[in-house]
N, C-alpha and C. Protein backbone atom coordinates (compact mmCIF):
# COMPACT_ATOMS: atom_id res chain seq x y z
N UNK A 1 182.01 -26.75 164.23
CA UNK A 1 181.34 -27.93 163.72
C UNK A 1 181.71 -28.13 162.25
N UNK A 2 181.72 -29.38 161.85
CA UNK A 2 182.12 -29.73 160.50
C UNK A 2 180.99 -30.47 159.80
N UNK A 3 179.99 -29.73 159.37
CA UNK A 3 178.86 -30.35 158.69
C UNK A 3 179.27 -30.81 157.30
N UNK A 4 178.80 -32.02 156.95
CA UNK A 4 179.01 -32.57 155.62
C UNK A 4 177.65 -32.96 155.05
N UNK A 5 177.52 -32.81 153.72
CA UNK A 5 176.27 -33.20 153.08
C UNK A 5 176.09 -34.71 153.24
N UNK A 6 174.93 -35.11 153.76
CA UNK A 6 174.63 -36.52 153.94
C UNK A 6 173.76 -37.06 152.82
N UNK A 7 172.72 -36.28 152.43
CA UNK A 7 171.80 -36.72 151.40
C UNK A 7 170.86 -35.59 151.04
N UNK A 8 170.07 -35.80 150.02
CA UNK A 8 169.00 -34.87 149.70
C UNK A 8 167.84 -35.12 150.65
N UNK A 9 167.16 -34.08 151.07
CA UNK A 9 166.00 -34.23 151.96
C UNK A 9 164.95 -35.14 151.31
N UNK A 10 164.80 -35.05 150.01
CA UNK A 10 163.81 -35.86 149.30
C UNK A 10 164.14 -37.35 149.33
N UNK A 11 165.40 -37.69 149.64
CA UNK A 11 165.80 -39.10 149.73
C UNK A 11 165.30 -39.77 151.00
N UNK A 12 164.74 -38.97 151.93
CA UNK A 12 164.28 -39.51 153.21
C UNK A 12 162.77 -39.22 153.33
N UNK A 13 161.94 -40.13 152.85
CA UNK A 13 160.50 -39.91 152.98
C UNK A 13 160.09 -39.78 154.46
N UNK A 14 158.97 -39.13 154.70
CA UNK A 14 158.47 -38.96 156.06
C UNK A 14 158.33 -40.32 156.76
N UNK A 15 158.75 -40.35 158.02
CA UNK A 15 158.65 -41.53 158.89
C UNK A 15 159.46 -42.71 158.39
N UNK A 16 160.64 -42.41 157.86
CA UNK A 16 161.58 -43.45 157.45
C UNK A 16 162.99 -43.04 157.84
N UNK A 17 163.94 -43.93 157.58
CA UNK A 17 165.36 -43.63 157.76
C UNK A 17 166.12 -44.21 156.58
N UNK A 18 167.25 -43.59 156.26
CA UNK A 18 168.11 -44.10 155.20
C UNK A 18 169.54 -44.17 155.72
N UNK A 19 170.29 -45.11 155.20
CA UNK A 19 171.70 -45.26 155.56
C UNK A 19 172.54 -44.39 154.64
N UNK A 20 173.45 -43.63 155.24
CA UNK A 20 174.39 -42.81 154.47
C UNK A 20 175.75 -42.91 155.13
N UNK A 21 176.77 -42.63 154.36
CA UNK A 21 178.12 -42.59 154.90
C UNK A 21 178.52 -41.13 154.99
N UNK A 22 178.90 -40.70 156.20
CA UNK A 22 179.37 -39.34 156.42
C UNK A 22 180.78 -39.47 156.97
N UNK A 23 181.76 -39.01 156.20
CA UNK A 23 183.15 -39.28 156.58
C UNK A 23 183.36 -40.77 156.54
N UNK A 24 183.85 -41.33 157.64
CA UNK A 24 184.08 -42.77 157.70
C UNK A 24 183.00 -43.49 158.50
N UNK A 25 181.93 -42.79 158.85
CA UNK A 25 180.92 -43.34 159.75
C UNK A 25 179.61 -43.62 159.02
N UNK A 26 179.02 -44.78 159.31
CA UNK A 26 177.70 -45.12 158.80
C UNK A 26 176.66 -44.44 159.69
N UNK A 27 175.79 -43.65 159.08
CA UNK A 27 174.81 -42.86 159.81
C UNK A 27 173.41 -43.17 159.28
N UNK A 28 172.45 -43.23 160.19
CA UNK A 28 171.04 -43.32 159.81
C UNK A 28 170.48 -41.92 159.87
N UNK A 29 170.02 -41.41 158.74
CA UNK A 29 169.31 -40.13 158.72
C UNK A 29 167.83 -40.48 158.74
N UNK A 30 167.16 -40.02 159.79
CA UNK A 30 165.75 -40.35 159.98
C UNK A 30 164.91 -39.09 159.87
N UNK A 31 163.69 -39.28 159.38
CA UNK A 31 162.75 -38.17 159.26
C UNK A 31 161.46 -38.53 159.98
N UNK A 32 161.15 -37.76 161.01
CA UNK A 32 159.91 -37.93 161.75
C UNK A 32 159.09 -36.70 161.47
N UNK A 33 158.05 -36.84 160.66
CA UNK A 33 157.30 -35.67 160.21
C UNK A 33 158.19 -34.83 159.31
N UNK A 34 158.41 -33.59 159.68
CA UNK A 34 159.28 -32.71 158.89
C UNK A 34 160.64 -32.48 159.55
N UNK A 35 160.92 -33.20 160.64
CA UNK A 35 162.18 -33.02 161.36
C UNK A 35 163.14 -34.16 161.03
N UNK A 36 164.39 -33.80 160.81
CA UNK A 36 165.44 -34.76 160.49
C UNK A 36 166.33 -35.00 161.70
N UNK A 37 166.80 -36.23 161.84
CA UNK A 37 167.70 -36.63 162.91
C UNK A 37 168.81 -37.49 162.32
N UNK A 38 169.93 -37.56 163.03
CA UNK A 38 171.02 -38.43 162.59
C UNK A 38 171.56 -39.19 163.79
N UNK A 39 171.75 -40.48 163.61
CA UNK A 39 172.31 -41.32 164.65
C UNK A 39 173.18 -42.38 164.02
N UNK A 40 174.08 -42.92 164.83
CA UNK A 40 174.93 -43.99 164.29
C UNK A 40 174.03 -45.12 163.83
N UNK A 41 174.33 -45.64 162.66
CA UNK A 41 173.48 -46.67 162.06
C UNK A 41 173.86 -48.05 162.57
N UNK A 42 173.81 -48.21 163.90
CA UNK A 42 174.23 -49.46 164.50
C UNK A 42 173.51 -49.64 165.84
N UNK A 43 172.66 -50.63 165.93
CA UNK A 43 171.97 -50.91 167.18
C UNK A 43 172.99 -51.27 168.25
N UNK A 44 172.84 -50.71 169.43
CA UNK A 44 173.79 -50.98 170.52
C UNK A 44 173.62 -52.38 171.11
N UNK A 45 172.56 -53.06 170.76
CA UNK A 45 172.34 -54.40 171.28
C UNK A 45 172.87 -55.48 170.36
N UNK A 46 172.57 -55.39 169.07
CA UNK A 46 172.88 -56.51 168.18
C UNK A 46 173.72 -56.12 166.97
N UNK A 47 174.22 -54.89 166.90
CA UNK A 47 175.11 -54.45 165.82
C UNK A 47 174.49 -54.68 164.44
N UNK A 48 173.22 -54.28 164.27
CA UNK A 48 172.57 -54.30 162.97
C UNK A 48 172.14 -52.88 162.62
N UNK A 49 171.87 -52.65 161.35
CA UNK A 49 171.54 -51.31 160.86
C UNK A 49 170.19 -50.82 161.37
N UNK A 50 170.22 -49.70 162.10
CA UNK A 50 168.97 -49.09 162.55
C UNK A 50 168.18 -48.48 161.40
N UNK A 51 168.87 -48.11 160.33
CA UNK A 51 168.20 -47.48 159.19
C UNK A 51 167.17 -48.39 158.54
N UNK A 52 167.21 -49.67 158.84
CA UNK A 52 166.24 -50.61 158.28
C UNK A 52 164.98 -50.73 159.15
N UNK A 53 164.96 -50.00 160.27
CA UNK A 53 163.84 -50.08 161.19
C UNK A 53 162.76 -49.06 160.88
N UNK A 54 161.67 -49.14 161.62
CA UNK A 54 160.53 -48.24 161.44
C UNK A 54 160.70 -46.99 162.30
N UNK A 55 160.25 -45.85 161.77
CA UNK A 55 160.32 -44.56 162.46
C UNK A 55 158.91 -44.09 162.77
N UNK A 56 158.67 -43.74 164.04
CA UNK A 56 157.40 -43.13 164.43
C UNK A 56 157.53 -42.55 165.84
N UNK A 57 156.78 -41.49 166.10
CA UNK A 57 156.74 -40.86 167.42
C UNK A 57 158.13 -40.55 167.96
N UNK A 58 159.01 -40.06 167.10
CA UNK A 58 160.38 -39.66 167.46
C UNK A 58 161.22 -40.83 167.97
N UNK A 59 160.92 -42.02 167.46
CA UNK A 59 161.68 -43.23 167.80
C UNK A 59 161.99 -44.02 166.54
N UNK A 60 163.06 -44.80 166.64
CA UNK A 60 163.37 -45.74 165.58
C UNK A 60 163.47 -47.12 166.22
N UNK A 61 162.87 -48.09 165.57
CA UNK A 61 162.83 -49.46 166.11
C UNK A 61 163.83 -50.33 165.36
N UNK A 62 164.65 -51.04 166.09
CA UNK A 62 165.56 -52.00 165.47
C UNK A 62 164.74 -53.16 164.93
N UNK A 63 164.98 -53.49 163.68
CA UNK A 63 164.18 -54.51 163.02
C UNK A 63 164.45 -55.92 163.55
N UNK A 64 165.59 -56.14 164.18
CA UNK A 64 165.95 -57.50 164.57
C UNK A 64 165.27 -57.97 165.86
N UNK A 65 165.40 -57.18 166.92
CA UNK A 65 164.84 -57.60 168.21
C UNK A 65 163.82 -56.62 168.78
N UNK A 66 163.54 -55.52 168.07
CA UNK A 66 162.50 -54.61 168.51
C UNK A 66 162.90 -53.52 169.49
N UNK A 67 164.19 -53.37 169.78
CA UNK A 67 164.61 -52.27 170.65
C UNK A 67 164.25 -50.95 169.97
N UNK A 68 163.85 -49.98 170.77
CA UNK A 68 163.52 -48.66 170.24
C UNK A 68 164.49 -47.63 170.82
N UNK A 69 164.84 -46.64 170.00
CA UNK A 69 165.75 -45.58 170.40
C UNK A 69 165.11 -44.23 170.13
N UNK A 70 165.24 -43.31 171.07
CA UNK A 70 164.76 -41.95 170.90
C UNK A 70 165.64 -41.25 169.86
N UNK A 71 165.04 -40.69 168.83
CA UNK A 71 165.82 -40.03 167.77
C UNK A 71 166.55 -38.80 168.27
N UNK A 72 166.06 -38.15 169.31
CA UNK A 72 166.68 -36.93 169.84
C UNK A 72 167.86 -37.23 170.74
N UNK A 73 167.76 -38.28 171.54
CA UNK A 73 168.77 -38.54 172.57
C UNK A 73 169.58 -39.80 172.35
N UNK A 74 169.08 -40.70 171.50
CA UNK A 74 169.75 -41.98 171.29
C UNK A 74 169.49 -42.99 172.39
N UNK A 75 168.74 -42.60 173.41
CA UNK A 75 168.46 -43.49 174.55
C UNK A 75 167.51 -44.62 174.13
N UNK A 76 167.80 -45.84 174.60
CA UNK A 76 166.87 -46.94 174.32
C UNK A 76 165.63 -46.80 175.18
N UNK A 77 164.49 -47.16 174.61
CA UNK A 77 163.25 -47.10 175.37
C UNK A 77 162.56 -48.44 175.40
N UNK A 78 163.24 -49.43 174.88
CA UNK A 78 162.67 -50.77 174.90
C UNK A 78 163.76 -51.81 174.86
N UNK A 79 163.60 -52.83 175.67
CA UNK A 79 164.58 -53.93 175.70
C UNK A 79 164.54 -54.68 174.39
N UNK A 80 165.61 -55.35 174.02
CA UNK A 80 166.72 -55.74 174.86
C UNK A 80 167.88 -54.72 174.93
N UNK A 81 167.86 -53.65 174.16
CA UNK A 81 168.96 -52.67 174.23
C UNK A 81 168.93 -51.94 175.56
N UNK A 82 170.11 -51.72 176.12
CA UNK A 82 170.23 -50.96 177.36
C UNK A 82 171.20 -49.79 177.22
N UNK A 83 171.95 -49.74 176.14
CA UNK A 83 172.94 -48.68 175.91
C UNK A 83 172.45 -47.75 174.80
N UNK A 84 172.71 -46.44 174.92
CA UNK A 84 172.30 -45.50 173.88
C UNK A 84 173.19 -45.60 172.64
N UNK A 85 172.72 -45.00 171.56
CA UNK A 85 173.51 -44.87 170.34
C UNK A 85 173.85 -43.40 170.16
N UNK A 86 174.94 -43.12 169.46
CA UNK A 86 175.38 -41.75 169.23
C UNK A 86 174.40 -41.00 168.34
N UNK A 87 174.11 -39.75 168.70
CA UNK A 87 173.29 -38.87 167.88
C UNK A 87 174.13 -37.67 167.47
N UNK A 88 173.83 -37.12 166.29
CA UNK A 88 174.66 -36.06 165.70
C UNK A 88 173.83 -34.84 165.32
N UNK A 89 174.47 -33.67 165.31
CA UNK A 89 173.79 -32.46 164.85
C UNK A 89 173.40 -32.56 163.38
N UNK A 90 172.23 -32.01 163.06
CA UNK A 90 171.69 -32.03 161.69
C UNK A 90 171.29 -30.61 161.30
N UNK A 91 171.57 -30.25 160.07
CA UNK A 91 171.07 -29.00 159.49
C UNK A 91 170.47 -29.31 158.13
N UNK A 92 169.35 -28.69 157.82
CA UNK A 92 168.79 -28.78 156.48
C UNK A 92 169.10 -27.45 155.81
N UNK A 93 169.79 -27.55 154.69
CA UNK A 93 170.18 -26.36 153.91
C UNK A 93 169.58 -26.51 152.52
N UNK A 94 168.57 -25.71 152.26
CA UNK A 94 167.90 -25.83 150.97
C UNK A 94 167.24 -27.19 150.86
N UNK A 95 167.66 -27.97 149.88
CA UNK A 95 167.10 -29.30 149.64
C UNK A 95 167.96 -30.42 150.19
N UNK A 96 169.02 -30.09 150.94
CA UNK A 96 169.97 -31.10 151.40
C UNK A 96 170.04 -31.19 152.91
N UNK A 97 170.39 -32.39 153.39
CA UNK A 97 170.58 -32.65 154.82
C UNK A 97 172.08 -32.75 155.09
N UNK A 98 172.54 -32.01 156.08
CA UNK A 98 173.94 -32.00 156.48
C UNK A 98 174.05 -32.55 157.90
N UNK A 99 175.11 -33.33 158.14
CA UNK A 99 175.33 -33.94 159.45
C UNK A 99 176.76 -33.66 159.88
N UNK A 100 176.95 -33.41 161.17
CA UNK A 100 178.28 -33.21 161.74
C UNK A 100 178.61 -34.42 162.61
N UNK A 101 179.48 -35.31 162.11
CA UNK A 101 179.86 -36.50 162.87
C UNK A 101 181.10 -36.26 163.73
N UNK A 102 181.62 -35.03 163.73
CA UNK A 102 182.80 -34.73 164.55
C UNK A 102 182.43 -34.53 166.01
N UNK A 103 181.15 -34.39 166.29
CA UNK A 103 180.68 -34.22 167.66
C UNK A 103 179.36 -34.96 167.82
N UNK A 104 179.06 -35.36 169.04
CA UNK A 104 177.77 -36.00 169.28
C UNK A 104 176.92 -35.10 170.17
N UNK A 105 175.62 -35.22 170.01
CA UNK A 105 174.70 -34.43 170.83
C UNK A 105 174.55 -35.01 172.22
N UNK A 106 174.77 -36.31 172.35
CA UNK A 106 174.51 -36.99 173.63
C UNK A 106 175.76 -37.51 174.33
N UNK A 107 176.94 -37.21 173.79
CA UNK A 107 178.18 -37.62 174.43
C UNK A 107 178.55 -39.07 174.25
N UNK A 108 177.75 -39.83 173.49
CA UNK A 108 178.06 -41.24 173.24
C UNK A 108 179.10 -41.32 172.13
N UNK A 109 180.15 -42.04 172.37
CA UNK A 109 181.21 -42.19 171.37
C UNK A 109 180.77 -43.20 170.30
N UNK A 110 180.84 -42.80 169.02
CA UNK A 110 180.49 -43.75 167.95
C UNK A 110 181.47 -44.91 167.92
N UNK A 111 181.00 -46.03 167.47
CA UNK A 111 181.87 -47.22 167.42
C UNK A 111 182.81 -47.19 166.22
N UNK A 112 182.47 -46.39 165.19
CA UNK A 112 183.25 -46.38 163.95
C UNK A 112 184.43 -45.50 163.94
């Protein structure tokens, strides 16, 4: 695995997401409680940034049409999205969040 520093943990307040660039890919780093997740920052339905959506109950909601995605699996749980988004391994090392975009946790190929 090729983990790269994505951001400081403090940059991601609880129950939010932030957009970061890891390698050449735009990634949403989300924090649900004290757990961090990483997924491609692109809704599979409307190609808008998921990082601008709300995070709660291990889901992120797309701000445009309300589709929700499971932070662990990338699977949509609410229409209009029907396709999952790529999810990536995350490690917290000290005060920093690291993401590995060279592999996905759910087998979904990133669009970037």
